[in-house]
Structures are given as structure tokens and as C-alpha cells.
PDB file of N, CA and C in Angstrom:
ATOM      1  N   MET A   1       0.825  -1.193   0.000  1.00  0.00           N
ATOM      2  CA  MET A   1       0.000   0.000   0.000  1.00  0.00           C
ATOM      3  C   MET A   1       0.873   1.261   0.000  1.00  0.00           C
ATOM      4  N   LYS A   2       1.991   1.239   0.768  1.00  0.00           N
ATOM      5  CA  LYS A   2       2.863   2.408   0.833  1.00  0.00           C
ATOM      6  C   LYS A   2       3.508   2.687  -0.513  1.00  0.00           C
ATOM      7  N   ILE A   3       3.872   1.628  -1.221  1.00  0.00           N
ATOM      8  CA  ILE A   3       4.500   1.814  -2.526  1.00  0.00           C
ATOM      9  C   ILE A   3       3.557   2.517  -3.491  1.00  0.00           C
ATOM     10  N   ARG A   4       2.290   2.245  -3.347  1.00  0.00           N
ATOM     11  CA  ARG A   4       1.284   2.901  -4.189  1.00  0.00           C
ATOM     12  C   ARG A   4       1.291   4.405  -3.957  1.00  0.00           C
ATOM     13  N   TYR A   5       1.347   4.834  -2.675  1.00  0.00           N
ATOM     14  CA  TYR A   5       1.381   6.253  -2.347  1.00  0.00           C
ATOM     15  C   TYR A   5       2.682   6.901  -2.792  1.00  0.00           C
ATOM     16  N   ILE A   6       3.767   6.176  -2.707  1.00  0.00           N
ATOM     17  CA  ILE A   6       5.058   6.714  -3.152  1.00  0.00           C
ATOM     18  C   ILE A   6       5.037   6.938  -4.657  1.00  0.00           C
ATOM     19  N   ILE A   7       4.537   5.969  -5.396  1.00  0.00           N
ATOM     20  CA  ILE A   7       4.451   6.108  -6.860  1.00  0.00           C
ATOM     21  C   ILE A   7       3.533   7.267  -7.232  1.00  0.00           C
ATOM     22  N   LEU A   8       2.397   7.352  -6.570  1.00  0.00           N
ATOM     23  CA  LEU A   8       1.463   8.449  -6.836  1.00  0.00           C
ATOM     24  C   LEU A   8       2.099   9.800  -6.513  1.00  0.00           C
ATOM     25  N   SER A   9       2.847   9.871  -5.428  1.00  0.00           N
ATOM     26  CA  SER A   9       3.526  11.119  -5.055  1.00  0.00           C
ATOM     27  C   SER A   9       4.567  11.513  -6.088  1.00  0.00           C
ATOM     28  N   VAL A  10       5.332  10.545  -6.575  1.00  0.00           N
ATOM     29  CA  VAL A  10       6.353  10.832  -7.588  1.00  0.00           C
ATOM     30  C   VAL A  10       5.699  11.315  -8.877  1.00  0.00           C
ATOM     31  N   ILE A  11       4.631  10.671  -9.295  1.00  0.00           N
ATOM     32  CA  ILE A  11       3.921  11.093 -10.508  1.00  0.00           C
ATOM     33  C   ILE A  11       3.369  12.507 -10.342  1.00  0.00           C
ATOM     34  N   THR A  12       2.804  12.790  -9.182  1.00  0.00           N
ATOM     35  CA  THR A  12       2.273  14.129  -8.912  1.00  0.00           C
ATOM     36  C   THR A  12       3.386  15.167  -8.941  1.00  0.00           C
ATOM     37  N   LEU A  13       4.527  14.846  -8.344  1.00  0.00           N
ATOM     38  CA  LEU A  13       5.665  15.769  -8.329  1.00  0.00           C
ATOM     39  C   LEU A  13       6.154  16.049  -9.737  1.00  0.00           C
ATOM     40  N   ILE A  14       6.291  15.010 -10.550  1.00  0.00           N
ATOM     41  CA  ILE A  14       6.751  15.185 -11.934  1.00  0.00           C
ATOM     42  C   ILE A  14       5.759  16.030 -12.718  1.00  0.00           C
ATOM     43  N   ALA A  15       4.467  15.761 -12.532  1.00  0.00           N
ATOM     44  CA  ALA A  15       3.435  16.533 -13.248  1.00  0.00           C
ATOM     45  C   ALA A  15       3.462  17.992 -12.824  1.00  0.00           C
ATOM     46  N   SER A  16       3.660  18.247 -11.533  1.00  0.00           N
ATOM     47  CA  SER A  16       3.661  19.636 -11.061  1.00  0.00           C
ATOM     48  C   SER A  16       4.900  20.386 -11.519  1.00  0.00           C
ATOM     49  N   LEU A  17       6.033  19.703 -11.668  1.00  0.00           N
ATOM     50  CA  LEU A  17       7.246  20.355 -12.155  1.00  0.00           C
ATOM     51  C   LEU A  17       7.162  20.679 -13.635  1.00  0.00           C
ATOM     52  N   SER A  18       6.387  19.895 -14.369  1.00  0.00           N
ATOM     53  CA  SER A  18       6.273  20.129 -15.805  1.00  0.00           C
ATOM     54  C   SER A  18       5.311  21.266 -16.134  1.00  0.00           C
ATOM     55  N   VAL A  19       4.514  21.675 -15.182  1.00  0.00           N
ATOM     56  CA  VAL A  19       3.556  22.756 -15.393  1.00  0.00           C
ATOM     57  C   VAL A  19       4.284  24.087 -15.244  1.00  0.00           C
ATOM     58  N   SER A  20       3.935  25.036 -16.070  1.00  0.00           N
ATOM     59  CA  SER A  20       4.544  26.360 -16.019  1.00  0.00           C
ATOM     60  C   SER A  20       4.315  27.005 -14.659  1.00  0.00           C
ATOM     61  N   ALA A  21       5.296  27.756 -14.187  1.00  0.00           N
ATOM     62  CA  ALA A  21       5.198  28.424 -12.887  1.00  0.00           C
ATOM     63  C   ALA A  21       4.301  29.660 -12.951  1.00  0.00           C
ATOM     64  N   LYS A  22       3.959  30.109 -14.146  1.00  0.00           N
ATOM     65  CA  LYS A  22       3.122  31.290 -14.289  1.00  0.00           C
ATOM     66  C   LYS A  22       1.679  30.967 -13.892  1.00  0.00           C
ATOM     67  N   VAL A  23       1.103  31.793 -13.047  1.00  0.00           N
ATOM     68  CA  VAL A  23      -0.277  31.605 -12.622  1.00  0.00           C
ATOM     69  C   VAL A  23      -1.199  32.017 -13.774  1.00  0.00           C
ATOM     70  N   ARG A  24      -2.101  31.133 -14.128  1.00  0.00           N
ATOM     71  CA  ARG A  24      -3.003  31.429 -15.236  1.00  0.00           C
ATOM     72  C   ARG A  24      -4.354  31.921 -14.753  1.00  0.00           C
ATOM     73  N   TYR A  25      -4.831  31.364 -13.652  1.00  0.00           N
ATOM     74  CA  TYR A  25      -6.158  31.717 -13.169  1.00  0.00           C
ATOM     75  C   TYR A  25      -6.114  31.895 -11.653  1.00  0.00           C
ATOM     76  N   VAL A  26      -6.911  32.832 -11.187  1.00  0.00           N
ATOM     77  CA  VAL A  26      -7.119  33.006  -9.753  1.00  0.00           C
ATOM     78  C   VAL A  26      -8.623  32.953  -9.530  1.00  0.00           C
ATOM     79  N   PHE A  27      -9.044  32.065  -8.664  1.00  0.00           N
ATOM     80  CA  PHE A  27     -10.462  31.934  -8.355  1.00  0.00           C
ATOM     81  C   PHE A  27     -10.753  32.715  -7.081  1.00  0.00           C
ATOM     82  N   TYR A  28     -11.672  33.635  -7.168  1.00  0.00           N
ATOM     83  CA  TYR A  28     -12.016  34.528  -6.067  1.00  0.00           C
ATOM     84  C   TYR A  28     -13.451  34.218  -5.674  1.00  0.00           C
ATOM     85  N   PHE A  29     -13.612  33.447  -4.609  1.00  0.00           N
ATOM     86  CA  PHE A  29     -14.941  33.016  -4.176  1.00  0.00           C
ATOM     87  C   PHE A  29     -15.533  34.058  -3.242  1.00  0.00           C
ATOM     88  N   ILE A  30     -16.736  34.485  -3.536  1.00  0.00           N
ATOM     89  CA  ILE A  30     -17.430  35.452  -2.701  1.00  0.00           C
ATOM     90  C   ILE A  30     -18.758  34.844  -2.282  1.00  0.00           C
ATOM     91  N   GLY A  31     -18.932  34.659  -0.993  1.00  0.00           N
ATOM     92  CA  GLY A  31     -20.210  34.166  -0.481  1.00  0.00           C
ATOM     93  C   GLY A  31     -21.125  35.355  -0.253  1.00  0.00           C
ATOM     94  N   ASP A  32     -21.754  35.837  -1.307  1.00  0.00           N
ATOM     95  CA  ASP A  32     -22.575  37.039  -1.229  1.00  0.00           C
ATOM     96  C   ASP A  32     -23.776  36.811  -0.310  1.00  0.00           C
ATOM     97  N   GLY A  33     -23.914  37.642   0.704  1.00  0.00           N
ATOM     98  CA  GLY A  33     -25.032  37.523   1.627  1.00  0.00           C
ATOM     99  C   GLY A  33     -24.882  36.353   2.584  1.00  0.00           C
ATOM    100  N   MET A  34     -23.676  35.851   2.722  1.00  0.00           N
ATOM    101  CA  MET A  34     -23.447  34.675   3.549  1.00  0.00           C
ATOM    102  C   MET A  34     -22.403  35.009   4.612  1.00  0.00           C
ATOM    103  N   GLY A  35     -22.805  34.948   5.855  1.00  0.00           N
ATOM    104  CA  GLY A  35     -21.884  35.179   6.955  1.00  0.00           C
ATOM    105  C   GLY A  35     -21.528  33.873   7.640  1.00  0.00           C
ATOM    106  N   MET A  36     -20.761  33.975   8.710  1.00  0.00           N
ATOM    107  CA  MET A  36     -20.359  32.775   9.440  1.00  0.00           C
ATOM    108  C   MET A  36     -21.558  32.049  10.032  1.00  0.00           C
ATOM    109  N   GLY A  37     -22.623  32.766  10.369  1.00  0.00           N
ATOM    110  CA  GLY A  37     -23.825  32.120  10.878  1.00  0.00           C
ATOM    111  C   GLY A  37     -24.420  31.164   9.864  1.00  0.00           C
ATOM    112  N   HIS A  38     -24.423  31.571   8.593  1.00  0.00           N
ATOM    113  CA  HIS A  38     -24.943  30.714   7.525  1.00  0.00           C
ATOM    114  C   HIS A  38     -24.068  29.473   7.345  1.00  0.00           C
ATOM    115  N   VAL A  39     -22.757  29.681   7.377  1.00  0.00           N
ATOM    116  CA  VAL A  39     -21.821  28.558   7.210  1.00  0.00           C
ATOM    117  C   VAL A  39     -21.953  27.588   8.380  1.00  0.00           C
ATOM    118  N   ASN A  40     -21.972  28.118   9.602  1.00  0.00           N
ATOM    119  CA  ASN A  40     -22.085  27.255  10.779  1.00  0.00           C
ATOM    120  C   ASN A  40     -23.405  26.499  10.807  1.00  0.00           C
ATOM    121  N   THR A  41     -24.491  27.164  10.405  1.00  0.00           N
ATOM    122  CA  THR A  41     -25.792  26.495  10.367  1.00  0.00           C
ATOM    123  C   THR A  41     -25.794  25.366   9.341  1.00  0.00           C
ATOM    124  N   THR A  42     -25.189  25.602   8.189  1.00  0.00           N
ATOM    125  CA  THR A  42     -25.101  24.565   7.161  1.00  0.00           C
ATOM    126  C   THR A  42     -24.256  23.394   7.644  1.00  0.00           C
ATOM    127  N   GLN A  43     -23.148  23.703   8.307  1.00  0.00           N
ATOM    128  CA  GLN A  43     -22.288  22.653   8.847  1.00  0.00           C
ATOM    129  C   GLN A  43     -23.047  21.834   9.896  1.00  0.00           C
ATOM    130  N   TYR A  44     -23.791  22.510  10.741  1.00  0.00           N
ATOM    131  CA  TYR A  44     -24.594  21.844  11.769  1.00  0.00           C
ATOM    132  C   TYR A  44     -25.649  20.943  11.120  1.00  0.00           C
ATOM    133  N   TYR A  45     -26.353  21.455  10.131  1.00  0.00           N
ATOM    134  CA  TYR A  45     -27.380  20.677   9.420  1.00  0.00           C
ATOM    135  C   TYR A  45     -26.758  19.447   8.763  1.00  0.00           C
ATOM    136  N   ASN A  46     -25.621  19.655   8.112  1.00  0.00           N
ATOM    137  CA  ASN A  46     -24.925  18.563   7.440  1.00  0.00           C
ATOM    138  C   ASN A  46     -24.589  17.444   8.427  1.00  0.00           C
ATOM    139  N   ARG A  47     -24.149  17.832   9.613  1.00  0.00           N
ATOM    140  CA  ARG A  47     -23.729  16.839  10.594  1.00  0.00           C
ATOM    141  C   ARG A  47     -24.888  16.231  11.377  1.00  0.00           C
ATOM    142  N   MET A  48     -25.765  17.069  11.892  1.00  0.00           N
ATOM    143  CA  MET A  48     -26.804  16.596  12.799  1.00  0.00           C
ATOM    144  C   MET A  48     -28.016  16.003  12.074  1.00  0.00           C
ATOM    145  N   VAL A  49     -28.421  16.585  10.967  1.00  0.00           N
ATOM    146  CA  VAL A  49     -29.609  16.121  10.261  1.00  0.00           C
ATOM    147  C   VAL A  49     -29.258  15.057   9.214  1.00  0.00           C
ATOM    148  N   LEU A  50     -28.221  15.346   8.420  1.00  0.00           N
ATOM    149  CA  LEU A  50     -27.848  14.406   7.370  1.00  0.00           C
ATOM    150  C   LEU A  50     -26.921  13.295   7.858  1.00  0.00           C
ATOM    151  N   GLY A  51     -26.330  13.486   9.033  1.00  0.00           N
ATOM    152  CA  GLY A  51     -25.432  12.476   9.586  1.00  0.00           C
ATOM    153  C   GLY A  51     -24.104  12.381   8.880  1.00  0.00           C
ATOM    154  N   ASN A  52     -23.689  13.443   8.228  1.00  0.00           N
ATOM    155  CA  ASN A  52     -22.433  13.467   7.492  1.00  0.00           C
ATOM    156  C   ASN A  52     -21.379  14.182   8.338  1.00  0.00           C
ATOM    157  N   ASP A  53     -20.341  13.462   8.767  1.00  0.00           N
ATOM    158  CA  ASP A  53     -19.293  14.061   9.600  1.00  0.00           C
ATOM    159  C   ASP A  53     -18.193  14.731   8.786  1.00  0.00           C
ATOM    160  N   THR A  54     -18.250  14.625   7.468  1.00  0.00           N
ATOM    161  CA  THR A  54     -17.258  15.276   6.625  1.00  0.00           C
ATOM    162  C   THR A  54     -17.526  16.781   6.602  1.00  0.00           C
ATOM    163  N   PRO A  55     -16.516  17.598   6.947  1.00  0.00           N
ATOM    164  CA  PRO A  55     -16.725  19.049   6.920  1.00  0.00           C
ATOM    165  C   PRO A  55     -17.043  19.544   5.507  1.00  0.00           C
ATOM    166  N   LEU A  56     -17.748  20.650   5.429  1.00  0.00           N
ATOM    167  CA  LEU A  56     -18.018  21.271   4.138  1.00  0.00           C
ATOM    168  C   LEU A  56     -16.698  21.551   3.429  1.00  0.00           C
ATOM    169  N   LEU A  57     -16.692  21.450   2.113  1.00  0.00           N
ATOM    170  CA  LEU A  57     -15.467  21.679   1.352  1.00  0.00           C
ATOM    171  C   LEU A  57     -14.914  23.070   1.621  1.00  0.00           C
ATOM    172  N   MET A  58     -15.787  24.058   1.688  1.00  0.00           N
ATOM    173  CA  MET A  58     -15.305  25.427   1.890  1.00  0.00           C
ATOM    174  C   MET A  58     -14.624  25.611   3.249  1.00  0.00           C
ATOM    175  N   ILE A  59     -14.957  24.773   4.227  1.00  0.00           N
ATOM    176  CA  ILE A  59     -14.312  24.826   5.533  1.00  0.00           C
ATOM    177  C   ILE A  59     -12.903  24.263   5.448  1.00  0.00           C
ATOM    178  N   GLN A  60     -12.644  23.427   4.458  1.00  0.00           N
ATOM    179  CA  GLN A  60     -11.356  22.761   4.320  1.00  0.00           C
ATOM    180  C   GLN A  60     -10.359  23.538   3.466  1.00  0.00           C
ATOM    181  N   PHE A  61     -10.764  24.642   2.852  1.00  0.00           N
ATOM    182  CA  PHE A  61      -9.834  25.427   2.036  1.00  0.00           C
ATOM    183  C   PHE A  61      -8.653  25.878   2.891  1.00  0.00           C
ATOM    184  N   PRO A  62      -7.443  25.943   2.328  1.00  0.00           N
ATOM    185  CA  PRO A  62      -6.273  26.319   3.117  1.00  0.00           C
ATOM    186  C   PRO A  62      -6.254  27.801   3.526  1.00  0.00           C
ATOM    187  N   VAL A  63      -6.975  28.627   2.801  1.00  0.00           N
ATOM    188  CA  VAL A  63      -7.009  30.052   3.107  1.00  0.00           C
ATOM    189  C   VAL A  63      -8.456  30.520   3.090  1.00  0.00           C
ATOM    190  N   ALA A  64      -8.824  31.326   4.059  1.00  0.00           N
ATOM    191  CA  ALA A  64     -10.169  31.891   4.115  1.00  0.00           C
ATOM    192  C   ALA A  64     -10.057  33.330   4.588  1.00  0.00           C
ATOM    193  N   SER A  65     -11.057  34.108   4.248  1.00  0.00           N
ATOM    194  CA  SER A  65     -11.037  35.507   4.641  1.00  0.00           C
ATOM    195  C   SER A  65     -12.457  35.999   4.822  1.00  0.00           C
ATOM    196  N   GLN A  66     -12.589  37.089   5.510  1.00  0.00           N
ATOM    197  CA  GLN A  66     -13.879  37.738   5.667  1.00  0.00           C
ATOM    198  C   GLN A  66     -13.687  39.224   5.438  1.00  0.00           C
ATOM    199  N   ALA A  67     -14.735  39.852   5.002  1.00  0.00           N
ATOM    200  CA  ALA A  67     -14.714  41.296   4.815  1.00  0.00           C
ATOM    201  C   ALA A  67     -16.009  41.868   5.354  1.00  0.00           C
ATOM    202  N   GLN A  68     -15.883  42.909   6.127  1.00  0.00           N
ATOM    203  CA  GLN A  68     -17.083  43.604   6.615  1.00  0.00           C
ATOM    204  C   GLN A  68     -17.270  44.807   5.714  1.00  0.00           C
ATOM    205  N   THR A  69     -18.314  44.786   4.934  1.00  0.00           N
ATOM    206  CA  THR A  69     -18.495  45.852   3.952  1.00  0.00           C
ATOM    207  C   THR A  69     -19.742  46.668   4.245  1.00  0.00           C
ATOM    208  N   TYR A  70     -19.674  47.898   3.907  1.00  0.00           N
ATOM    209  CA  TYR A  70     -20.811  48.810   3.907  1.00  0.00           C
ATOM    210  C   TYR A  70     -20.589  49.718   2.716  1.00  0.00           C
ATOM    211  N   SER A  71     -21.650  50.186   2.124  1.00  0.00           N
ATOM    212  CA  SER A  71     -21.492  50.993   0.919  1.00  0.00           C
ATOM    213  C   SER A  71     -21.215  52.449   1.272  1.00  0.00           C
ATOM    214  N   ALA A  72     -20.933  53.237   0.256  1.00  0.00           N
ATOM    215  CA  ALA A  72     -20.670  54.661   0.462  1.00  0.00           C
ATOM    216  C   ALA A  72     -21.953  55.426   0.764  1.00  0.00           C
ATOM    217  N   SER A  73     -23.115  54.772   0.550  1.00  0.00           N
ATOM    218  CA  SER A  73     -24.377  55.484   0.745  1.00  0.00           C
ATOM    219  C   SER A  73     -25.276  54.879   1.822  1.00  0.00           C
ATOM    220  N   ALA A  74     -24.904  53.722   2.375  1.00  0.00           N
ATOM    221  CA  ALA A  74     -25.784  53.066   3.348  1.00  0.00           C
ATOM    222  C   ALA A  74     -24.979  52.146   4.267  1.00  0.00           C
ATOM    223  N   PRO A  75     -25.477  51.915   5.484  1.00  0.00           N
ATOM    224  CA  PRO A  75     -24.769  51.004   6.386  1.00  0.00           C
ATOM    225  C   PRO A  75     -24.880  49.536   5.964  1.00  0.00           C
ATOM    226  N   ILE A  76     -25.870  49.206   5.171  1.00  0.00           N
ATOM    227  CA  ILE A  76     -26.014  47.842   4.646  1.00  0.00           C
ATOM    228  C   ILE A  76     -25.864  47.924   3.137  1.00  0.00           C
ATOM    229  N   THR A  77     -24.915  47.154   2.622  1.00  0.00           N
ATOM    230  CA  THR A  77     -24.629  47.229   1.193  1.00  0.00           C
ATOM    231  C   THR A  77     -25.493  46.261   0.393  1.00  0.00           C
ATOM    232  N   ASP A  78     -25.629  46.530  -0.887  1.00  0.00           N
ATOM    233  CA  ASP A  78     -26.295  45.581  -1.773  1.00  0.00           C
ATOM    234  C   ASP A  78     -25.226  44.846  -2.574  1.00  0.00           C
ATOM    235  N   SER A  79     -25.656  43.896  -3.388  1.00  0.00           N
ATOM    236  CA  SER A  79     -24.701  43.056  -4.119  1.00  0.00           C
ATOM    237  C   SER A  79     -23.854  43.854  -5.101  1.00  0.00           C
ATOM    238  N   ALA A  80     -24.428  44.844  -5.746  1.00  0.00           N
ATOM    239  CA  ALA A  80     -23.681  45.640  -6.724  1.00  0.00           C
ATOM    240  C   ALA A  80     -22.544  46.399  -6.053  1.00  0.00           C
ATOM    241  N   ALA A  81     -22.833  47.086  -4.972  1.00  0.00           N
ATOM    242  CA  ALA A  81     -21.806  47.848  -4.268  1.00  0.00           C
ATOM    243  C   ALA A  81     -20.772  46.922  -3.633  1.00  0.00           C
ATOM    244  N   ALA A  82     -21.217  45.781  -3.103  1.00  0.00           N
ATOM    245  CA  ALA A  82     -20.279  44.828  -2.496  1.00  0.00           C
ATOM    246  C   ALA A  82     -19.339  44.253  -3.546  1.00  0.00           C
ATOM    247  N   GLY A  83     -19.874  43.864  -4.690  1.00  0.00           N
ATOM    248  CA  GLY A  83     -19.040  43.327  -5.759  1.00  0.00           C
ATOM    249  C   GLY A  83     -18.028  44.340  -6.256  1.00  0.00           C
ATOM    250  N   THR A  84     -18.450  45.595  -6.369  1.00  0.00           N
ATOM    251  CA  THR A  84     -17.534  46.657  -6.783  1.00  0.00           C
ATOM    252  C   THR A  84     -16.427  46.842  -5.759  1.00  0.00           C
ATOM    253  N   ALA A  85     -16.784  46.880  -4.481  1.00  0.00           N
ATOM    254  CA  ALA A  85     -15.788  47.072  -3.423  1.00  0.00           C
ATOM    255  C   ALA A  85     -14.794  45.911  -3.391  1.00  0.00           C
ATOM    256  N   LEU A  86     -15.275  44.700  -3.521  1.00  0.00           N
ATOM    257  CA  LEU A  86     -14.391  43.541  -3.461  1.00  0.00           C
ATOM    258  C   LEU A  86     -13.510  43.408  -4.695  1.00  0.00           C
ATOM    259  N   SER A  87     -13.993  43.846  -5.849  1.00  0.00           N
ATOM    260  CA  SER A  87     -13.208  43.685  -7.075  1.00  0.00           C
ATOM    261  C   SER A  87     -12.334  44.889  -7.414  1.00  0.00           C
ATOM    262  N   THR A  88     -12.617  46.037  -6.813  1.00  0.00           N
ATOM    263  CA  THR A  88     -11.814  47.225  -7.127  1.00  0.00           C
ATOM    264  C   THR A  88     -11.073  47.793  -5.924  1.00  0.00           C
ATOM    265  N   GLY A  89     -11.523  47.464  -4.721  1.00  0.00           N
ATOM    266  CA  GLY A  89     -10.910  48.029  -3.526  1.00  0.00           C
ATOM    267  C   GLY A  89     -11.468  49.384  -3.161  1.00  0.00           C
ATOM    268  N   SER A  90     -12.522  49.820  -3.835  1.00  0.00           N
ATOM    269  CA  SER A  90     -13.127  51.127  -3.570  1.00  0.00           C
ATOM    270  C   SER A  90     -14.622  50.964  -3.289  1.00  0.00           C
ATOM    271  N   LYS A  91     -15.096  51.681  -2.293  1.00  0.00           N
ATOM    272  CA  LYS A  91     -16.526  51.643  -1.976  1.00  0.00           C
ATOM    273  C   LYS A  91     -17.306  52.471  -2.993  1.00  0.00           C
ATOM    274  N   THR A  92     -18.551  52.103  -3.175  1.00  0.00           N
ATOM    275  CA  THR A  92     -19.434  52.866  -4.044  1.00  0.00           C
ATOM    276  C   THR A  92     -20.833  52.893  -3.444  1.00  0.00           C
ATOM    277  N   ARG A  93     -21.741  53.582  -4.109  1.00  0.00           N
ATOM    278  CA  ARG A  93     -23.127  53.666  -3.627  1.00  0.00           C
ATOM    279  C   ARG A  93     -23.877  52.373  -3.940  1.00  0.00           C
ATOM    280  N   ASN A  94     -24.921  52.107  -3.183  1.00  0.00           N
ATOM    281  CA  ASN A  94     -25.802  50.987  -3.508  1.00  0.00           C
ATOM    282  C   ASN A  94     -26.365  51.187  -4.911  1.00  0.00           C
ATOM    283  N   TYR A  95     -26.662  50.112  -5.592  1.00  0.00           N
ATOM    284  CA  TYR A  95     -27.195  50.090  -6.964  1.00  0.00           C
ATOM    285  C   TYR A  95     -26.176  50.550  -8.002  1.00  0.00           C
ATOM    286  N   THR A  96     -24.889  50.586  -7.654  1.00  0.00           N
ATOM    287  CA  THR A  96     -23.859  51.055  -8.572  1.00  0.00           C
ATOM    288  C   THR A  96     -22.816  49.964  -8.768  1.00  0.00           C
ATOM    289  N   ILE A  97     -22.449  49.730 -10.019  1.00  0.00           N
ATOM    290  CA  ILE A  97     -21.447  48.715 -10.342  1.00  0.00           C
ATOM    291  C   ILE A  97     -20.280  49.369 -11.067  1.00  0.00           C
ATOM    292  N   GLY A  98     -19.081  49.216 -10.517  1.00  0.00           N
ATOM    293  CA  GLY A  98     -17.861  49.633 -11.195  1.00  0.00           C
ATOM    294  C   GLY A  98     -17.598  51.118 -11.259  1.00  0.00           C
ATOM    295  N   LEU A  99     -18.343  51.926 -10.547  1.00  0.00           N
ATOM    296  CA  LEU A  99     -18.132  53.376 -10.554  1.00  0.00           C
ATOM    297  C   LEU A  99     -17.874  53.873  -9.146  1.00  0.00           C
ATOM    298  N   ALA A 100     -16.997  54.860  -9.027  1.00  0.00           N
ATOM    299  CA  ALA A 100     -16.757  55.492  -7.732  1.00  0.00           C
ATOM    300  C   ALA A 100     -18.002  56.282  -7.343  1.00  0.00           C
ATOM    301  N   PRO A 101     -18.208  56.538  -6.062  1.00  0.00           N
ATOM    302  CA  PRO A 101     -19.430  57.225  -5.647  1.00  0.00           C
ATOM    303  C   PRO A 101     -19.546  58.666  -6.120  1.00  0.00           C
ATOM    304  N   ASP A 102     -18.417  59.314  -6.421  1.00  0.00           N
ATOM    305  CA  ASP A 102     -18.498  60.735  -6.756  1.00  0.00           C
ATOM    306  C   ASP A 102     -17.682  61.140  -7.983  1.00  0.00           C
ATOM    307  N   THR A 103     -17.212  60.182  -8.771  1.00  0.00           N
ATOM    308  CA  THR A 103     -16.446  60.521  -9.970  1.00  0.00           C
ATOM    309  C   THR A 103     -17.011  59.784 -11.180  1.00  0.00           C
ATOM    310  N   ILE A 104     -16.716  60.297 -12.351  1.00  0.00           N
ATOM    311  CA  ILE A 104     -17.248  59.742 -13.592  1.00  0.00           C
ATOM    312  C   ILE A 104     -16.440  58.538 -14.093  1.00  0.00           C
ATOM    313  N   PRO A 105     -15.108  58.569 -14.123  1.00  0.00           N
ATOM    314  CA  PRO A 105     -14.395  57.434 -14.729  1.00  0.00           C
ATOM    315  C   PRO A 105     -14.675  56.129 -13.984  1.00  0.00           C
ATOM    316  N   PRO A 106     -14.780  55.025 -14.715  1.00  0.00           N
ATOM    317  CA  PRO A 106     -15.023  53.737 -14.049  1.00  0.00           C
ATOM    318  C   PRO A 106     -13.810  53.293 -13.239  1.00  0.00           C
ATOM    319  N   LEU A 107     -14.068  52.518 -12.210  1.00  0.00           N
ATOM    320  CA  LEU A 107     -12.995  51.944 -11.410  1.00  0.00           C
ATOM    321  C   LEU A 107     -12.413  50.744 -12.151  1.00  0.00           C
ATOM    322  N   ILE A 108     -11.171  50.410 -11.857  1.00  0.00           N
ATOM    323  CA  ILE A 108     -10.523  49.284 -12.535  1.00  0.00           C
ATOM    324  C   ILE A 108     -10.603  48.055 -11.643  1.00  0.00           C
ATOM    325  N   SER A 109     -11.148  46.989 -12.194  1.00  0.00           N
ATOM    326  CA  SER A 109     -11.314  45.730 -11.483  1.00  0.00           C
ATOM    327  C   SER A 109      -9.993  44.974 -11.392  1.00  0.00           C
ATOM    328  N   ILE A 110      -9.849  44.140 -10.370  1.00  0.00           N
ATOM    329  CA  ILE A 110      -8.640  43.311 -10.259  1.00  0.00           C
ATOM    330  C   ILE A 110      -8.543  42.329 -11.421  1.00  0.00           C
ATOM    331  N   ALA A 111      -9.639  42.048 -12.074  1.00  0.00           N
ATOM    332  CA  ALA A 111      -9.615  41.153 -13.237  1.00  0.00           C
ATOM    333  C   ALA A 111      -8.901  41.793 -14.415  1.00  0.00           C
ATOM    334  N   ARG A 112      -8.755  43.102 -14.429  1.00  0.00           N
ATOM    335  CA  ARG A 112      -8.115  43.801 -15.543  1.00  0.00           C
ATOM    336  C   ARG A 112      -6.693  44.220 -15.233  1.00  0.00           C
ATOM    337  N   LYS A 113      -6.271  44.057 -13.988  1.00  0.00           N
ATOM    338  CA  LYS A 113      -4.910  44.506 -13.614  1.00  0.00           C
ATOM    339  C   LYS A 113      -3.881  43.497 -13.982  1.00  0.00           C
TER     340      LYS A 113
END
């Protein structure tokens, strides 16, 4: 059984070395409208109701982050303003996508940098 894991590890190492070091894609997961209460409740349901002791995949990711956002025009943001803030680093008004709250030129998204 150990030899199987060693062979698999060597194959994985060779495959990873043959892949270009340049990053081609970055996946940016945003749980829109989802806080830790939602995640914990889902985890609880998964375990207690469904009887599944395997943690949710998103709980197993090696890196996680949270952001507390509010828009430039309200204490509670909507999806448009939240998406703009997360993708550009700048707050905007509710109902606004990709524009600063008080200027005309569009903001530049991290997808374009």
C-alpha cells in the first residue's frame, strides 16, 4: 500500500514540475449575503440532520477571509456595491457597479490589472 502512495507522489511531483510556474487563473470566491452564521448552520445541518461528519469543502480550504463591507451610501450594502468594493478596492453607492461614488471614470477591477 505504501508503494502505491510513493508512486502516486512521484507522478504528482513530476506533473507539477512540468507545469509552467506562471499563474493562469485566480479563483475569487465570494459568499454574497453569507456570513459565518450561515456557514455554521449549514455545517450543523450537514452533521446533525444528514449524519455526514465530513466538513463542508469550503471549511477545508487552506485560506479563508472575511470582509465587513458597507457601501458609500448606506450602512447595509447591496450586491452591486459589495461586488464593486471587493473587485476594485473602492466603496461605491448601492445600486452602482464599477463606478466610484463621486467621480465619472469607471474603477478598474482586479480582473483587468
